[in-house]
Amino acid sequence: MKITIPSEGKKIKNNISSVFGRSKYFITAKTSNNEIIDYKTEKNKGKNQNSGAGITAAQQIAKKTPNILICKSIGPKAYSILEDWEIKVIKGIEGTVKENIKKHQQNKLEQIKAPTNHTHSGIK
């Protein structure tokens, strides 16, 4: 299984990002038998866009074809793109990328079934 998580840093020991479209990085972890066997990190290409950061982020993730995205919140346009690609969106919690993957594997995180943010909520 492939799981993607927006992250504040390049490693799975870094915290999950509080924002999706403007996160610094995306970590895609490959898991098997509830173990992380490999992961790759890439910069979020849409982080500094004036608008459409969530859309760009969702398109970037969709191309990696993960089964699941774990994030703390997501806007309607990004959610729609991931839904079209049949990527499940799971509600992340405070903590590291690794902790969120483990919580998901223990069935302690819930699926997001609708957008949680309005457009432009990640702009600070």
Protein backbone atom coordinates (compact mmCIF):
# COMPACT_ATOMS: atom_id res chain seq x y z
CA MET A 1 0.00 0.00 0.00
CA LYS A 2 1.14 3.55 -0.73
CA ILE A 3 0.29 6.33 1.72
CA THR A 4 1.01 10.02 1.09
CA ILE A 5 1.18 12.63 3.87
CA PRO A 6 1.90 16.38 3.73
CA SER A 7 4.90 17.00 5.96
CA GLU A 8 6.79 19.87 7.56
CA GLY A 9 10.09 18.12 6.82
CA LYS A 10 11.78 15.54 4.62
CA LYS A 11 11.69 12.56 7.02
CA ILE A 12 8.96 10.37 8.49
CA LYS A 13 10.00 11.56 11.94
CA ASN A 14 8.88 15.09 10.99
CA ASN A 15 5.40 16.34 11.85
CA ILE A 16 2.41 16.14 9.57
CA SER A 17 1.71 19.54 8.05
CA SER A 18 -1.29 21.45 9.35
CA VAL A 19 -2.03 22.60 5.79
CA PHE A 20 -2.40 20.47 2.68
CA GLY A 21 -1.92 22.68 -0.38
CA ARG A 22 0.82 24.77 1.19
CA SER A 23 2.75 22.05 2.99
CA LYS A 24 6.50 22.06 2.43
CA TYR A 25 6.80 18.40 1.41
CA PHE A 26 4.86 15.27 0.58
CA ILE A 27 6.09 11.95 1.89
CA THR A 28 4.87 8.81 0.13
CA ALA A 29 5.46 5.68 2.18
CA LYS A 30 5.25 2.14 0.90
CA THR A 31 3.91 -0.28 3.50
CA SER A 32 3.60 -4.03 3.72
CA ASN A 33 2.36 -6.14 6.64
CA ASN A 34 1.89 -2.96 8.72
CA GLU A 35 5.55 -1.98 8.29
CA ILE A 36 7.00 0.99 6.43
CA ILE A 37 9.36 -0.58 3.91
CA ASP A 38 10.36 2.56 2.00
CA TYR A 39 9.46 6.20 1.60
CA LYS A 40 10.17 9.05 -0.78
CA THR A 41 9.96 12.77 -0.18
CA GLU A 42 9.28 15.49 -2.70
CA LYS A 43 8.79 19.23 -2.46
CA ASN A 44 5.26 20.51 -2.86
CA LYS A 45 5.25 22.18 -6.28
CA GLY A 46 2.25 24.38 -5.46
CA LYS A 47 3.36 25.66 -2.07
CA ASN A 48 4.14 29.21 -3.19
CA GLN A 49 1.43 29.69 -5.80
CA ASN A 50 -0.79 32.76 -5.43
CA SER A 51 -3.87 30.58 -5.89
CA GLY A 52 -4.65 26.97 -6.74
CA ALA A 53 -2.08 25.47 -4.36
CA GLY A 54 -4.47 22.71 -3.28
CA ILE A 55 -5.28 21.81 -6.88
CA THR A 56 -1.59 21.59 -7.82
CA ALA A 57 -0.85 19.55 -4.70
CA ALA A 58 -3.70 17.12 -5.42
CA GLN A 59 -2.56 16.69 -9.04
CA GLN A 60 1.02 16.10 -7.88
CA ILE A 61 -0.13 13.45 -5.41
CA ALA A 62 -2.50 11.78 -7.88
CA LYS A 63 0.42 11.18 -10.27
CA LYS A 64 2.14 9.16 -7.52
CA THR A 65 -0.97 6.93 -7.35
CA PRO A 66 -1.14 6.38 -3.59
CA ASN A 67 -4.02 4.39 -2.14
CA ILE A 68 -4.45 6.86 0.70
CA LEU A 69 -3.75 10.49 1.58
CA ILE A 70 -3.57 11.30 5.28
CA CYS A 71 -4.00 15.03 5.98
CA LYS A 72 -5.44 17.25 8.66
CA SER A 73 -7.75 19.14 6.32
CA ILE A 74 -8.51 19.50 2.61
CA GLY A 75 -10.40 21.92 0.39
CA PRO A 76 -13.18 21.12 -2.07
CA LYS A 77 -11.21 21.28 -5.34
CA ALA A 78 -8.32 19.17 -4.05
CA TYR A 79 -10.75 16.68 -2.52
CA SER A 80 -12.61 16.38 -5.83
CA ILE A 81 -9.38 15.61 -7.73
CA LEU A 82 -8.39 12.90 -5.26
CA GLU A 83 -11.90 11.45 -5.31
CA ASP A 84 -11.73 11.25 -9.12
CA TRP A 85 -8.48 9.28 -8.78
CA GLU A 86 -10.11 7.01 -6.15
CA ILE A 87 -7.59 8.04 -3.49
CA LYS A 88 -9.07 7.72 0.00
CA VAL A 89 -8.57 10.76 2.24
CA ILE A 90 -7.98 10.02 5.90
CA LYS A 91 -8.11 12.58 8.75
CA GLY A 92 -4.63 12.99 10.24
CA ILE A 93 -3.80 13.96 13.82
CA GLU A 94 -1.07 15.99 15.52
CA GLY A 95 2.18 14.06 15.44
CA THR A 96 4.77 12.73 13.06
CA VAL A 97 4.25 11.23 9.63
CA LYS A 98 5.27 7.83 11.03
CA GLU A 99 2.80 8.12 13.94
CA ASN A 100 -0.02 8.93 11.54
CA ILE A 101 0.79 5.91 9.38
CA LYS A 102 0.82 3.66 12.46
CA LYS A 103 -2.50 5.10 13.71
CA HIS A 104 -4.03 4.43 10.30
CA GLN A 105 -2.75 0.86 10.33
CA GLN A 106 -4.37 0.43 13.76
CA ASN A 107 -7.67 1.75 12.34
CA LYS A 108 -7.55 4.74 14.70
CA LEU A 109 -8.02 7.40 12.00
CA GLU A 110 -11.27 8.18 10.21
CA GLN A 111 -11.93 8.63 6.52
CA ILE A 112 -12.78 12.14 5.34
CA LYS A 113 -15.90 11.85 3.20
CA ALA A 114 -16.24 15.52 2.22
CA PRO A 115 -13.98 18.59 2.05
CA THR A 116 -13.08 19.99 5.46
CA ASN A 117 -12.02 23.50 4.38
CA HIS A 118 -13.30 26.25 2.18
CA THR A 119 -11.30 27.53 -0.77
CA HIS A 120 -8.21 29.59 0.18
CA SER A 121 -8.11 28.49 3.83
CA GLY A 122 -4.38 27.67 3.65
CA ILE A 123 -3.34 31.23 2.76
CA LYS A 124 -1.71 32.99 5.69
